[in-house]
N, C-alpha and C. Protein backbone atom coordinates (compact mmCIF):
# COMPACT_ATOMS: atom_id res chain seq x y z
N MET A 1 -3.58 16.21 -3.30
CA MET A 1 -3.23 15.93 -1.80
C MET A 1 -2.48 17.12 -0.97
N ALA A 2 -3.38 24.78 -2.89
CA ALA A 2 -2.81 25.53 -1.81
C ALA A 2 -1.84 24.68 -0.92
N ARG A 3 -0.83 24.96 -0.49
CA ARG A 3 0.22 24.35 0.30
C ARG A 3 0.06 24.79 1.72
N PHE A 4 0.36 23.92 2.69
CA PHE A 4 0.02 24.18 4.07
C PHE A 4 1.21 24.52 4.93
N GLY A 5 2.40 24.23 4.46
CA GLY A 5 3.56 24.30 5.33
C GLY A 5 3.74 25.62 6.03
N ALA A 6 3.60 26.73 5.30
CA ALA A 6 3.86 28.03 5.91
C ALA A 6 2.59 28.71 6.41
N GLY A 7 1.46 28.02 6.33
CA GLY A 7 0.21 28.66 6.63
C GLY A 7 -0.22 28.61 8.08
N PHE A 8 0.51 27.87 8.91
CA PHE A 8 0.09 27.70 10.29
C PHE A 8 1.20 28.13 11.24
N ALA A 9 0.82 28.74 12.35
CA ALA A 9 1.76 29.04 13.42
C ALA A 9 1.06 28.75 14.72
N TYR A 10 1.72 28.06 15.64
CA TYR A 10 1.06 27.60 16.85
C TYR A 10 1.89 27.94 18.06
N ASP A 11 1.20 28.27 19.16
CA ASP A 11 1.85 28.45 20.44
C ASP A 11 1.91 27.12 21.15
N ASP A 12 2.93 26.93 21.94
CA ASP A 12 3.06 25.70 22.73
C ASP A 12 2.26 25.88 24.01
N ASP A 13 0.96 25.61 23.94
CA ASP A 13 0.08 25.86 25.08
C ASP A 13 0.47 25.01 26.28
N GLY A 14 0.93 23.78 26.03
CA GLY A 14 1.31 22.92 27.14
C GLY A 14 2.39 23.55 27.98
N GLU A 15 3.41 24.10 27.32
CA GLU A 15 4.53 24.69 28.05
C GLU A 15 4.11 25.97 28.75
N SER A 16 3.31 26.79 28.07
CA SER A 16 2.93 28.07 28.66
C SER A 16 2.04 27.86 29.87
N LEU A 17 1.17 26.85 29.81
CA LEU A 17 0.31 26.57 30.95
C LEU A 17 1.14 26.09 32.14
N ALA A 18 2.07 25.21 31.85
CA ALA A 18 2.89 24.69 32.95
C ALA A 18 3.72 25.80 33.57
N SER A 19 4.28 26.67 32.72
CA SER A 19 5.08 27.77 33.24
C SER A 19 4.23 28.71 34.06
N GLY A 20 3.01 28.99 33.56
CA GLY A 20 2.12 29.88 34.29
C GLY A 20 1.73 29.31 35.63
N ALA A 21 1.51 27.98 35.67
CA ALA A 21 1.12 27.35 36.92
C ALA A 21 2.27 27.41 37.92
N GLY A 22 3.49 27.19 37.41
CA GLY A 22 4.64 27.22 38.32
C GLY A 22 4.84 28.60 38.90
N ALA A 23 4.69 29.63 38.06
CA ALA A 23 4.88 31.00 38.55
C ALA A 23 3.80 31.36 39.55
N ALA A 24 2.57 30.89 39.30
CA ALA A 24 1.49 31.20 40.22
C ALA A 24 1.70 30.52 41.55
N GLY A 25 2.20 29.26 41.49
CA GLY A 25 2.45 28.53 42.73
C GLY A 25 3.47 29.23 43.58
N ALA A 26 4.44 29.86 42.95
CA ALA A 26 5.49 30.54 43.71
C ALA A 26 5.00 31.87 44.25
N GLY A 27 3.85 32.35 43.74
CA GLY A 27 3.38 33.67 44.10
C GLY A 27 2.33 33.68 45.19
N GLY A 28 2.04 32.54 45.81
CA GLY A 28 1.10 32.52 46.94
C GLY A 28 -0.32 32.29 46.48
N LEU A 29 -1.28 33.05 47.02
CA LEU A 29 -2.70 32.81 46.79
C LEU A 29 -3.07 32.98 45.32
N GLY A 30 -2.35 33.80 44.58
CA GLY A 30 -2.67 34.00 43.17
C GLY A 30 -2.47 32.76 42.34
N GLY A 31 -1.89 31.71 42.89
CA GLY A 31 -1.61 30.51 42.12
C GLY A 31 -2.75 29.54 42.05
N PHE A 32 -3.86 29.74 42.77
CA PHE A 32 -4.92 28.75 42.77
C PHE A 32 -5.54 28.57 41.39
N GLY A 33 -5.77 29.69 40.66
CA GLY A 33 -6.37 29.58 39.33
C GLY A 33 -5.50 28.80 38.38
N GLY A 34 -4.19 29.09 38.40
CA GLY A 34 -3.27 28.37 37.53
C GLY A 34 -3.20 26.90 37.89
N GLY A 35 -3.27 26.60 39.19
CA GLY A 35 -3.23 25.20 39.61
C GLY A 35 -4.44 24.43 39.12
N ASP A 36 -5.62 25.05 39.18
CA ASP A 36 -6.82 24.40 38.67
C ASP A 36 -6.71 24.15 37.17
N ARG A 37 -6.16 25.11 36.48
CA ARG A 37 -6.02 24.97 35.03
C ARG A 37 -5.05 23.84 34.69
N LEU A 38 -3.97 23.77 35.41
CA LEU A 38 -3.00 22.70 35.18
C LEU A 38 -3.61 21.35 35.50
N ALA A 39 -4.42 21.29 36.55
CA ALA A 39 -5.07 20.04 36.92
C ALA A 39 -6.02 19.58 35.82
N ARG A 40 -6.77 20.52 35.26
CA ARG A 40 -7.69 20.17 34.16
C ARG A 40 -6.91 19.70 32.94
N GLN A 41 -5.79 20.35 32.70
CA GLN A 41 -4.95 19.95 31.57
C GLN A 41 -4.42 18.53 31.77
N GLN A 42 -3.96 18.23 32.97
CA GLN A 42 -3.44 16.90 33.26
C GLN A 42 -4.54 15.84 33.15
N GLU A 43 -5.74 16.19 33.61
CA GLU A 43 -6.86 15.26 33.51
C GLU A 43 -7.21 14.99 32.05
N ARG A 44 -7.21 16.04 31.25
CA ARG A 44 -7.48 15.90 29.81
C ARG A 44 -6.40 15.06 29.14
N HIS A 45 -5.17 15.28 29.51
CA HIS A 45 -4.06 14.50 28.96
C HIS A 45 -4.22 13.02 29.27
N TYR A 46 -4.55 12.71 30.51
CA TYR A 46 -4.72 11.31 30.91
C TYR A 46 -5.89 10.68 30.16
N GLN A 47 -6.98 11.42 29.99
CA GLN A 47 -8.15 10.92 29.27
C GLN A 47 -7.79 10.59 27.82
N LEU A 48 -7.11 11.52 27.15
CA LEU A 48 -6.71 11.30 25.76
C LEU A 48 -5.76 10.12 25.63
N LEU A 49 -4.81 10.02 26.55
CA LEU A 49 -3.85 8.92 26.51
C LEU A 49 -4.56 7.58 26.67
N SER A 50 -5.50 7.51 27.60
CA SER A 50 -6.25 6.26 27.82
C SER A 50 -7.04 5.87 26.58
N GLU A 51 -7.67 6.85 25.94
CA GLU A 51 -8.46 6.57 24.74
C GLU A 51 -7.56 6.14 23.58
N LEU A 52 -6.40 6.76 23.45
CA LEU A 52 -5.46 6.36 22.41
C LEU A 52 -4.96 4.94 22.63
N GLN A 53 -4.66 4.59 23.86
CA GLN A 53 -4.19 3.24 24.17
C GLN A 53 -5.26 2.21 23.84
N ALA A 54 -6.52 2.56 24.05
CA ALA A 54 -7.61 1.64 23.71
C ALA A 54 -7.75 1.49 22.20
N LEU A 55 -7.61 2.60 21.47
CA LEU A 55 -7.74 2.56 20.01
C LEU A 55 -6.60 1.79 19.36
N VAL A 56 -5.42 1.85 19.94
CA VAL A 56 -4.26 1.16 19.38
C VAL A 56 -4.49 -0.34 19.33
N LYS A 57 -5.26 -0.87 20.25
CA LYS A 57 -5.50 -2.31 20.31
C LYS A 57 -6.22 -2.83 19.07
N ASP A 58 -6.88 -1.94 18.32
CA ASP A 58 -7.58 -2.36 17.10
C ASP A 58 -6.64 -2.44 15.90
N LEU A 59 -5.42 -1.95 16.04
CA LEU A 59 -4.45 -1.96 14.94
C LEU A 59 -3.74 -3.31 14.88
N PRO A 60 -3.14 -3.64 13.72
CA PRO A 60 -2.33 -4.86 13.62
C PRO A 60 -1.20 -4.85 14.64
N SER A 61 -0.78 -6.04 15.05
CA SER A 61 0.25 -6.15 16.10
C SER A 61 1.54 -5.45 15.69
N SER A 62 1.88 -5.50 14.39
CA SER A 62 3.11 -4.85 13.93
C SER A 62 3.04 -3.34 14.13
N SER A 63 1.86 -2.77 13.94
CA SER A 63 1.68 -1.34 14.15
C SER A 63 1.67 -0.99 15.63
N GLN A 64 1.08 -1.87 16.44
CA GLN A 64 1.04 -1.63 17.88
C GLN A 64 2.45 -1.53 18.46
N GLN A 65 3.36 -2.35 17.95
CA GLN A 65 4.73 -2.36 18.47
C GLN A 65 5.43 -1.03 18.21
N ARG A 66 5.11 -0.39 17.09
CA ARG A 66 5.76 0.89 16.77
C ARG A 66 5.20 2.04 17.60
N LEU A 67 3.94 1.91 18.02
CA LEU A 67 3.28 2.99 18.76
C LEU A 67 3.56 2.83 20.25
N SER A 68 4.72 3.26 20.64
CA SER A 68 5.16 3.11 22.03
C SER A 68 4.39 4.05 22.95
N TYR A 69 4.56 3.82 24.25
CA TYR A 69 3.92 4.69 25.24
C TYR A 69 4.37 6.13 25.06
N THR A 70 5.65 6.32 24.77
CA THR A 70 6.18 7.68 24.61
C THR A 70 5.50 8.40 23.45
N ILE A 71 5.33 7.70 22.32
CA ILE A 71 4.68 8.31 21.16
C ILE A 71 3.24 8.67 21.48
N LEU A 72 2.52 7.74 22.12
CA LEU A 72 1.12 8.00 22.46
C LEU A 72 1.00 9.12 23.49
N ASN A 73 1.93 9.14 24.43
CA ASN A 73 1.92 10.19 25.45
C ASN A 73 2.14 11.57 24.82
N ASP A 74 3.10 11.64 23.90
CA ASP A 74 3.37 12.90 23.20
C ASP A 74 2.18 13.32 22.33
N LEU A 75 1.54 12.32 21.69
CA LEU A 75 0.39 12.62 20.86
C LEU A 75 -0.77 13.15 21.70
N ALA A 76 -1.00 12.53 22.84
CA ALA A 76 -2.06 13.00 23.74
C ALA A 76 -1.80 14.44 24.18
N MET A 77 -0.55 14.75 24.46
CA MET A 77 -0.19 16.11 24.87
C MET A 77 -0.48 17.11 23.74
N ALA A 78 -0.18 16.71 22.50
CA ALA A 78 -0.41 17.60 21.36
C ALA A 78 -1.89 17.83 21.08
N LEU A 79 -2.74 16.89 21.52
CA LEU A 79 -4.17 16.97 21.22
C LEU A 79 -4.97 17.72 22.27
N ILE A 80 -4.34 18.12 23.35
CA ILE A 80 -5.08 18.67 24.50
C ILE A 80 -5.98 19.84 24.13
N ASP A 81 -5.45 20.82 23.41
CA ASP A 81 -6.24 22.04 23.17
C ASP A 81 -7.14 21.95 21.94
N GLY A 82 -7.11 20.83 21.22
CA GLY A 82 -8.00 20.63 20.09
C GLY A 82 -7.52 21.18 18.76
N THR A 83 -6.41 21.92 18.78
CA THR A 83 -5.92 22.53 17.54
C THR A 83 -5.53 21.48 16.50
N VAL A 84 -4.87 20.42 16.95
CA VAL A 84 -4.41 19.39 16.02
C VAL A 84 -5.60 18.69 15.36
N PHE A 85 -6.68 18.49 16.11
CA PHE A 85 -7.88 17.91 15.51
C PHE A 85 -8.35 18.76 14.32
N GLU A 86 -8.36 20.07 14.51
CA GLU A 86 -8.81 20.98 13.44
C GLU A 86 -7.85 20.95 12.26
N ILE A 87 -6.55 20.89 12.55
CA ILE A 87 -5.56 20.84 11.48
C ILE A 87 -5.72 19.58 10.64
N VAL A 88 -5.83 18.44 11.32
CA VAL A 88 -5.97 17.16 10.61
C VAL A 88 -7.24 17.15 9.77
N GLN A 89 -8.34 17.64 10.32
CA GLN A 89 -9.58 17.68 9.56
C GLN A 89 -9.43 18.57 8.32
N GLY A 90 -8.76 19.70 8.49
CA GLY A 90 -8.53 20.58 7.35
C GLY A 90 -7.67 19.93 6.28
N LEU A 91 -6.63 19.22 6.70
CA LEU A 91 -5.75 18.53 5.76
C LEU A 91 -6.51 17.45 5.00
N LEU A 92 -7.34 16.69 5.71
CA LEU A 92 -8.11 15.63 5.07
C LEU A 92 -9.13 16.20 4.09
N ASP A 93 -9.78 17.29 4.46
CA ASP A 93 -10.75 17.92 3.56
C ASP A 93 -10.09 18.36 2.26
N ILE A 94 -8.92 18.99 2.39
CA ILE A 94 -8.20 19.47 1.20
C ILE A 94 -7.69 18.29 0.38
N GLN A 95 -7.24 17.24 1.06
CA GLN A 95 -6.76 16.05 0.35
C GLN A 95 -7.89 15.42 -0.46
N HIS A 96 -9.06 15.27 0.14
CA HIS A 96 -10.19 14.67 -0.57
C HIS A 96 -10.61 15.53 -1.76
N LEU A 97 -10.57 16.84 -1.59
CA LEU A 97 -10.91 17.75 -2.69
C LEU A 97 -9.92 17.59 -3.83
N MET A 98 -8.64 17.47 -3.51
CA MET A 98 -7.62 17.31 -4.53
C MET A 98 -7.77 15.97 -5.24
N GLU A 99 -8.06 14.91 -4.46
CA GLU A 99 -8.22 13.59 -5.05
C GLU A 99 -9.40 13.56 -6.03
N ARG A 100 -10.50 14.21 -5.66
CA ARG A 100 -11.64 14.28 -6.58
C ARG A 100 -11.28 15.05 -7.84
N ASN A 101 -10.50 16.13 -7.68
CA ASN A 101 -10.09 16.92 -8.83
C ASN A 101 -9.20 16.11 -9.77
N LEU A 102 -8.26 15.36 -9.20
CA LEU A 102 -7.37 14.53 -10.01
C LEU A 102 -8.15 13.42 -10.71
N TYR A 103 -9.10 12.84 -9.99
CA TYR A 103 -9.93 11.79 -10.59
C TYR A 103 -10.72 12.35 -11.77
N ASN A 104 -11.28 13.55 -11.60
CA ASN A 104 -12.06 14.17 -12.68
C ASN A 104 -11.18 14.50 -13.88
N GLN A 105 -9.93 14.92 -13.62
CA GLN A 105 -9.00 15.20 -14.71
C GLN A 105 -8.72 13.93 -15.51
N ARG A 106 -8.49 12.83 -14.80
CA ARG A 106 -8.19 11.57 -15.49
C ARG A 106 -9.41 11.06 -16.25
N LEU A 107 -10.58 11.21 -15.64
CA LEU A 107 -11.82 10.78 -16.30
C LEU A 107 -12.06 11.59 -17.57
N LYS A 108 -11.80 12.90 -17.50
CA LYS A 108 -11.97 13.77 -18.67
C LYS A 108 -11.03 13.34 -19.79
N LEU A 109 -9.78 13.04 -19.45
CA LEU A 109 -8.81 12.60 -20.46
C LEU A 109 -9.26 11.27 -21.07
N HIS A 110 -9.73 10.36 -20.24
CA HIS A 110 -10.20 9.06 -20.73
C HIS A 110 -11.36 9.24 -21.71
N ASN A 111 -12.29 10.11 -21.38
CA ASN A 111 -13.44 10.35 -22.26
C ASN A 111 -13.00 10.99 -23.58
N GLU A 112 -12.04 11.92 -23.51
CA GLU A 112 -11.52 12.54 -24.73
C GLU A 112 -10.88 11.49 -25.64
N HIS A 113 -10.13 10.58 -25.04
CA HIS A 113 -9.48 9.52 -25.82
C HIS A 113 -10.52 8.59 -26.44
N ARG A 114 -11.55 8.28 -25.67
CA ARG A 114 -12.60 7.39 -26.18
C ARG A 114 -13.29 8.02 -27.40
N VAL A 115 -13.56 9.32 -27.33
CA VAL A 115 -14.21 10.02 -28.44
C VAL A 115 -13.30 10.05 -29.66
N LEU A 116 -12.01 10.32 -29.44
CA LEU A 116 -11.06 10.34 -30.56
C LEU A 116 -11.01 9.00 -31.28
N LYS A 117 -10.98 7.93 -30.50
CA LYS A 117 -10.90 6.60 -31.11
C LYS A 117 -12.19 6.25 -31.85
N GLN A 118 -13.33 6.60 -31.26
CA GLN A 118 -14.61 6.34 -31.92
C GLN A 118 -14.72 7.10 -33.23
N GLU A 119 -14.29 8.36 -33.23
CA GLU A 119 -14.35 9.17 -34.45
C GLU A 119 -13.45 8.59 -35.53
N MET A 120 -12.26 8.13 -35.13
CA MET A 120 -11.34 7.56 -36.11
C MET A 120 -11.91 6.28 -36.71
N LEU A 121 -12.46 5.42 -35.86
CA LEU A 121 -13.02 4.17 -36.35
C LEU A 121 -14.20 4.42 -37.28
N TYR A 122 -15.00 5.45 -36.97
CA TYR A 122 -16.14 5.80 -37.84
C TYR A 122 -15.65 6.28 -39.20
N LYS A 123 -14.62 7.13 -39.20
CA LYS A 123 -14.07 7.63 -40.46
C LYS A 123 -13.46 6.48 -41.27
N HIS A 124 -12.80 5.56 -40.58
CA HIS A 124 -12.21 4.41 -41.27
C HIS A 124 -13.30 3.56 -41.94
N LYS A 125 -14.39 3.36 -41.22
CA LYS A 125 -15.48 2.55 -41.77
C LYS A 125 -16.08 3.21 -43.00
N GLU A 126 -16.27 4.53 -42.92
CA GLU A 126 -16.81 5.27 -44.07
C GLU A 126 -15.88 5.19 -45.27
N ALA A 127 -14.57 5.31 -44.99
CA ALA A 127 -13.59 5.25 -46.08
C ALA A 127 -13.58 3.88 -46.73
N GLN A 128 -13.71 2.84 -45.94
CA GLN A 128 -13.72 1.48 -46.49
C GLN A 128 -14.95 1.24 -47.35
N GLN A 129 -16.08 1.80 -46.93
CA GLN A 129 -17.32 1.61 -47.70
C GLN A 129 -17.25 2.29 -49.06
N GLY A 130 -16.51 3.38 -49.15
CA GLY A 130 -16.40 4.09 -50.43
C GLY A 130 -15.17 3.72 -51.23
N CYS A 131 -14.42 2.74 -50.73
CA CYS A 131 -13.15 2.37 -51.39
C CYS A 131 -13.39 1.27 -52.44
N LYS A 132 -12.65 1.35 -53.53
CA LYS A 132 -12.71 0.30 -54.55
C LYS A 132 -12.05 -0.97 -54.00
N PRO A 133 -12.58 -2.13 -54.35
CA PRO A 133 -12.08 -3.38 -53.77
C PRO A 133 -10.57 -3.58 -53.91
N HIS A 134 -10.00 -3.22 -55.06
CA HIS A 134 -8.58 -3.49 -55.26
C HIS A 134 -7.68 -2.56 -54.43
N ASN A 135 -8.26 -1.46 -53.93
CA ASN A 135 -7.49 -0.53 -53.08
C ASN A 135 -7.70 -0.78 -51.58
N LEU A 136 -8.64 -1.68 -51.26
CA LEU A 136 -9.01 -1.89 -49.86
C LEU A 136 -7.85 -2.38 -48.99
N PRO A 137 -7.02 -3.33 -49.46
CA PRO A 137 -5.90 -3.78 -48.61
C PRO A 137 -4.95 -2.64 -48.24
N LEU A 138 -4.64 -1.79 -49.21
CA LEU A 138 -3.75 -0.67 -48.92
C LEU A 138 -4.39 0.31 -47.93
N LEU A 139 -5.70 0.55 -48.12
CA LEU A 139 -6.41 1.46 -47.22
C LEU A 139 -6.43 0.91 -45.80
N LYS A 140 -6.72 -0.38 -45.65
CA LYS A 140 -6.78 -0.98 -44.32
C LYS A 140 -5.41 -0.94 -43.64
N ALA A 141 -4.36 -1.14 -44.41
CA ALA A 141 -3.01 -1.09 -43.83
C ALA A 141 -2.69 0.32 -43.33
N ALA A 142 -3.06 1.32 -44.11
CA ALA A 142 -2.82 2.71 -43.70
C ALA A 142 -3.66 3.06 -42.48
N GLN A 143 -4.89 2.59 -42.46
CA GLN A 143 -5.76 2.86 -41.32
C GLN A 143 -5.24 2.19 -40.05
N GLN A 144 -4.69 0.99 -40.20
CA GLN A 144 -4.14 0.29 -39.04
C GLN A 144 -2.96 1.05 -38.45
N ARG A 145 -2.11 1.59 -39.33
CA ARG A 145 -0.98 2.39 -38.85
C ARG A 145 -1.49 3.65 -38.14
N GLU A 146 -2.53 4.27 -38.68
CA GLU A 146 -3.10 5.47 -38.06
C GLU A 146 -3.70 5.15 -36.69
N LEU A 147 -4.38 4.00 -36.60
CA LEU A 147 -4.98 3.59 -35.33
C LEU A 147 -3.91 3.28 -34.29
N GLU A 148 -2.85 2.61 -34.71
CA GLU A 148 -1.76 2.29 -33.79
C GLU A 148 -1.09 3.56 -33.28
N ALA A 149 -0.94 4.55 -34.15
CA ALA A 149 -0.34 5.82 -33.73
C ALA A 149 -1.22 6.52 -32.70
N LEU A 150 -2.54 6.46 -32.91
CA LEU A 150 -3.46 7.07 -31.95
C LEU A 150 -3.41 6.34 -30.61
N GLU A 151 -3.37 5.02 -30.67
CA GLU A 151 -3.32 4.24 -29.43
C GLU A 151 -2.03 4.51 -28.66
N GLN A 152 -0.93 4.71 -29.38
CA GLN A 152 0.33 5.04 -28.72
C GLN A 152 0.24 6.42 -28.07
N ARG A 153 -0.39 7.36 -28.77
CA ARG A 153 -0.59 8.70 -28.21
C ARG A 153 -1.45 8.63 -26.94
N ILE A 154 -2.52 7.84 -27.01
CA ILE A 154 -3.40 7.68 -25.85
C ILE A 154 -2.63 7.09 -24.67
N HIS A 155 -1.83 6.07 -24.95
CA HIS A 155 -1.03 5.44 -23.90
C HIS A 155 -0.07 6.43 -23.26
N ASP A 156 0.61 7.21 -24.10
CA ASP A 156 1.59 8.18 -23.59
C ASP A 156 0.91 9.26 -22.75
N GLU A 157 -0.22 9.75 -23.21
CA GLU A 157 -0.91 10.81 -22.47
C GLU A 157 -1.47 10.29 -21.15
N GLN A 158 -1.96 9.05 -21.14
CA GLN A 158 -2.44 8.46 -19.89
C GLN A 158 -1.30 8.26 -18.90
N GLN A 159 -0.15 7.83 -19.43
CA GLN A 159 1.01 7.63 -18.57
C GLN A 159 1.47 8.95 -17.97
N MET A 160 1.49 10.00 -18.78
CA MET A 160 1.87 11.32 -18.27
C MET A 160 0.89 11.80 -17.20
N MET A 161 -0.39 11.55 -17.41
CA MET A 161 -1.39 11.94 -16.43
C MET A 161 -1.19 11.18 -15.12
N ASP A 162 -0.93 9.87 -15.22
CA ASP A 162 -0.73 9.07 -14.01
C ASP A 162 0.51 9.51 -13.24
N GLU A 163 1.57 9.84 -13.98
CA GLU A 163 2.79 10.33 -13.32
C GLU A 163 2.53 11.67 -12.63
N LYS A 164 1.74 12.53 -13.28
CA LYS A 164 1.38 13.82 -12.69
C LYS A 164 0.59 13.61 -11.40
N ILE A 165 -0.34 12.66 -11.42
CA ILE A 165 -1.15 12.37 -10.23
C ILE A 165 -0.27 11.88 -9.09
N VAL A 166 0.65 10.96 -9.40
CA VAL A 166 1.53 10.43 -8.36
C VAL A 166 2.38 11.54 -7.75
N LEU A 167 2.93 12.41 -8.59
CA LEU A 167 3.75 13.51 -8.09
C LEU A 167 2.95 14.45 -7.19
N GLU A 168 1.72 14.75 -7.58
CA GLU A 168 0.89 15.65 -6.78
C GLU A 168 0.50 15.01 -5.45
N LEU A 169 0.22 13.71 -5.47
CA LEU A 169 -0.10 13.01 -4.23
C LEU A 169 1.12 12.95 -3.31
N ASP A 170 2.28 12.70 -3.89
CA ASP A 170 3.51 12.68 -3.09
C ASP A 170 3.77 14.04 -2.46
N GLN A 171 3.54 15.10 -3.23
CA GLN A 171 3.74 16.45 -2.70
C GLN A 171 2.75 16.75 -1.59
N LYS A 172 1.55 16.24 -1.72
CA LYS A 172 0.54 16.45 -0.68
C LYS A 172 0.97 15.78 0.62
N VAL A 173 1.57 14.60 0.52
CA VAL A 173 2.08 13.91 1.71
C VAL A 173 3.14 14.77 2.39
N VAL A 174 4.05 15.33 1.59
CA VAL A 174 5.10 16.20 2.14
C VAL A 174 4.48 17.41 2.84
N ASP A 175 3.47 18.01 2.21
CA ASP A 175 2.80 19.16 2.81
C ASP A 175 2.19 18.79 4.16
N GLN A 176 1.55 17.63 4.21
CA GLN A 176 0.91 17.19 5.45
C GLN A 176 1.96 16.92 6.53
N GLN A 177 3.04 16.25 6.14
CA GLN A 177 4.11 15.97 7.10
C GLN A 177 4.67 17.26 7.67
N ASN A 178 4.91 18.22 6.79
CA ASN A 178 5.49 19.50 7.21
C ASN A 178 4.55 20.25 8.15
N THR A 179 3.27 20.26 7.81
CA THR A 179 2.29 20.97 8.63
C THR A 179 2.18 20.35 10.02
N LEU A 180 2.09 19.03 10.09
CA LEU A 180 1.92 18.37 11.38
C LEU A 180 3.20 18.43 12.21
N GLU A 181 4.35 18.43 11.54
CA GLU A 181 5.60 18.60 12.28
C GLU A 181 5.64 19.98 12.92
N LYS A 182 5.25 21.01 12.16
CA LYS A 182 5.25 22.37 12.70
C LYS A 182 4.21 22.53 13.81
N ALA A 183 3.15 21.71 13.75
CA ALA A 183 2.13 21.76 14.80
C ALA A 183 2.57 21.03 16.06
N GLY A 184 3.75 20.39 16.01
CA GLY A 184 4.29 19.73 17.19
C GLY A 184 3.76 18.33 17.42
N VAL A 185 3.28 17.66 16.36
CA VAL A 185 2.76 16.31 16.50
C VAL A 185 3.91 15.32 16.37
N SER A 186 4.15 14.57 17.43
CA SER A 186 5.27 13.62 17.46
C SER A 186 5.12 12.57 16.36
N GLY A 187 6.23 12.22 15.71
CA GLY A 187 6.23 11.20 14.67
C GLY A 187 6.13 11.76 13.27
N PHE A 188 5.84 13.05 13.14
CA PHE A 188 5.67 13.63 11.81
C PHE A 188 6.88 14.48 11.43
N TYR A 189 7.43 14.15 10.29
CA TYR A 189 8.51 14.89 9.67
C TYR A 189 8.56 14.43 8.22
N ILE A 190 9.25 15.15 7.37
CA ILE A 190 9.29 14.80 5.95
C ILE A 190 10.15 13.56 5.75
N THR A 191 9.55 12.51 5.23
CA THR A 191 10.25 11.25 5.00
C THR A 191 9.53 10.47 3.91
N THR A 192 10.29 9.60 3.23
CA THR A 192 9.71 8.67 2.27
C THR A 192 9.91 7.23 2.72
N ASN A 193 10.44 7.05 3.93
CA ASN A 193 10.66 5.71 4.46
C ASN A 193 9.31 5.00 4.65
N PRO A 194 9.12 3.83 4.03
CA PRO A 194 7.81 3.15 4.11
C PRO A 194 7.36 2.86 5.54
N GLN A 195 8.29 2.46 6.40
CA GLN A 195 7.92 2.16 7.79
C GLN A 195 7.46 3.42 8.52
N GLU A 196 8.16 4.52 8.28
CA GLU A 196 7.78 5.77 8.93
C GLU A 196 6.46 6.31 8.37
N LEU A 197 6.24 6.10 7.07
CA LEU A 197 4.97 6.52 6.47
C LEU A 197 3.81 5.72 7.06
N THR A 198 4.04 4.42 7.28
CA THR A 198 3.00 3.59 7.90
C THR A 198 2.70 4.07 9.31
N LEU A 199 3.75 4.41 10.06
CA LEU A 199 3.56 4.94 11.41
C LEU A 199 2.75 6.23 11.37
N GLN A 200 3.08 7.12 10.45
CA GLN A 200 2.35 8.39 10.34
C GLN A 200 0.90 8.16 9.95
N MET A 201 0.65 7.19 9.07
CA MET A 201 -0.73 6.88 8.69
C MET A 201 -1.50 6.34 9.89
N ASN A 202 -0.85 5.52 10.70
CA ASN A 202 -1.50 5.00 11.91
C ASN A 202 -1.81 6.12 12.89
N LEU A 203 -0.89 7.07 13.03
CA LEU A 203 -1.12 8.20 13.92
C LEU A 203 -2.31 9.04 13.43
N LEU A 204 -2.37 9.27 12.13
CA LEU A 204 -3.50 10.02 11.57
C LEU A 204 -4.81 9.28 11.79
N GLU A 205 -4.76 7.96 11.65
CA GLU A 205 -5.97 7.17 11.87
C GLU A 205 -6.43 7.25 13.32
N LEU A 206 -5.48 7.22 14.24
CA LEU A 206 -5.83 7.37 15.66
C LEU A 206 -6.45 8.73 15.94
N ILE A 207 -5.86 9.77 15.37
CA ILE A 207 -6.40 11.13 15.57
C ILE A 207 -7.82 11.22 15.01
N ARG A 208 -8.01 10.66 13.82
CA ARG A 208 -9.33 10.72 13.17
C ARG A 208 -10.38 9.96 13.99
N LYS A 209 -10.03 8.76 14.44
CA LYS A 209 -10.98 7.97 15.22
C LYS A 209 -11.29 8.63 16.56
N LEU A 210 -10.26 9.19 17.18
CA LEU A 210 -10.48 9.86 18.46
C LEU A 210 -11.36 11.09 18.28
N GLN A 211 -11.16 11.80 17.18
CA GLN A 211 -11.99 12.97 16.90
C GLN A 211 -13.44 12.55 16.69
N GLN A 212 -13.66 11.47 15.95
CA GLN A 212 -15.02 10.97 15.73
C GLN A 212 -15.67 10.54 17.04
N LYS A 213 -14.90 9.86 17.87
CA LYS A 213 -15.42 9.39 19.16
C LYS A 213 -15.83 10.56 20.04
N GLU A 214 -14.99 11.59 20.07
CA GLU A 214 -15.31 12.74 20.91
C GLU A 214 -16.48 13.54 20.34
N SER A 215 -16.59 13.60 19.03
CA SER A 215 -17.71 14.31 18.42
C SER A 215 -19.03 13.63 18.75
N GLN A 216 -19.03 12.30 18.73
CA GLN A 216 -20.23 11.55 19.06
C GLN A 216 -20.61 11.71 20.52
N SER A 217 -19.60 11.75 21.39
CA SER A 217 -19.88 11.87 22.82
C SER A 217 -20.44 13.24 23.17
N ARG A 218 -20.16 14.25 22.32
CA ARG A 218 -20.66 15.60 22.58
C ARG A 218 -22.05 15.84 22.03
N LYS A 219 -22.55 14.90 21.19
CA LYS A 219 -23.88 15.08 20.61
C LYS A 219 -24.95 14.96 21.70
N PRO A 220 -25.95 15.84 21.69
CA PRO A 220 -27.03 15.74 22.69
C PRO A 220 -27.88 14.51 22.44
N PHE A 221 -28.44 13.97 23.50
CA PHE A 221 -29.31 12.80 23.37
C PHE A 221 -30.59 13.21 22.65
N SER A 222 -31.01 12.37 21.71
CA SER A 222 -32.23 12.68 20.96
C SER A 222 -33.44 12.06 21.63
């Protein structure tokens, strides 16, 4: 879930545009271009905010209550230039790649354990077939202890793998929080609070759905 925290640096386009427009307005005729740009920015902001407000209605009521107008307004502002869309898509792509890698690691370990157990059971069966009847109880008891030791080893190794997966997923969440906070996305900061994590997941879902909606609207008619 490569680390992203230090890999991105962003300019505050919203502030620079507003400052540029203000300076142009004070400078007379040279301000018309800046004014048009600011108007387009404001129109884009309003469009994004309206779409976010519509998407929020599909969320559970408990989530809707947390997503205040201020949060949605700040999110719309952060999405204006499209940079955040690209960041989120990049984070999701890397997360999915990591999840597949972790899944494959666990599957490989599971298959190795299955082969080990099959080989042991086969050897036990061969040993029993060649064992004299009066020694069979002792052999079976020893084999049972050997099998239990292997099963304990398998359990311990699987538990270690699962703990490793959880730690890597948790670290990926921290990386994502850090990246989006540095990108200026409201609501994102490093936290383990379940309510705040739910809010951040809802914000990511809104960004993803809005990105999909806009991608579809840009597709040419077939």
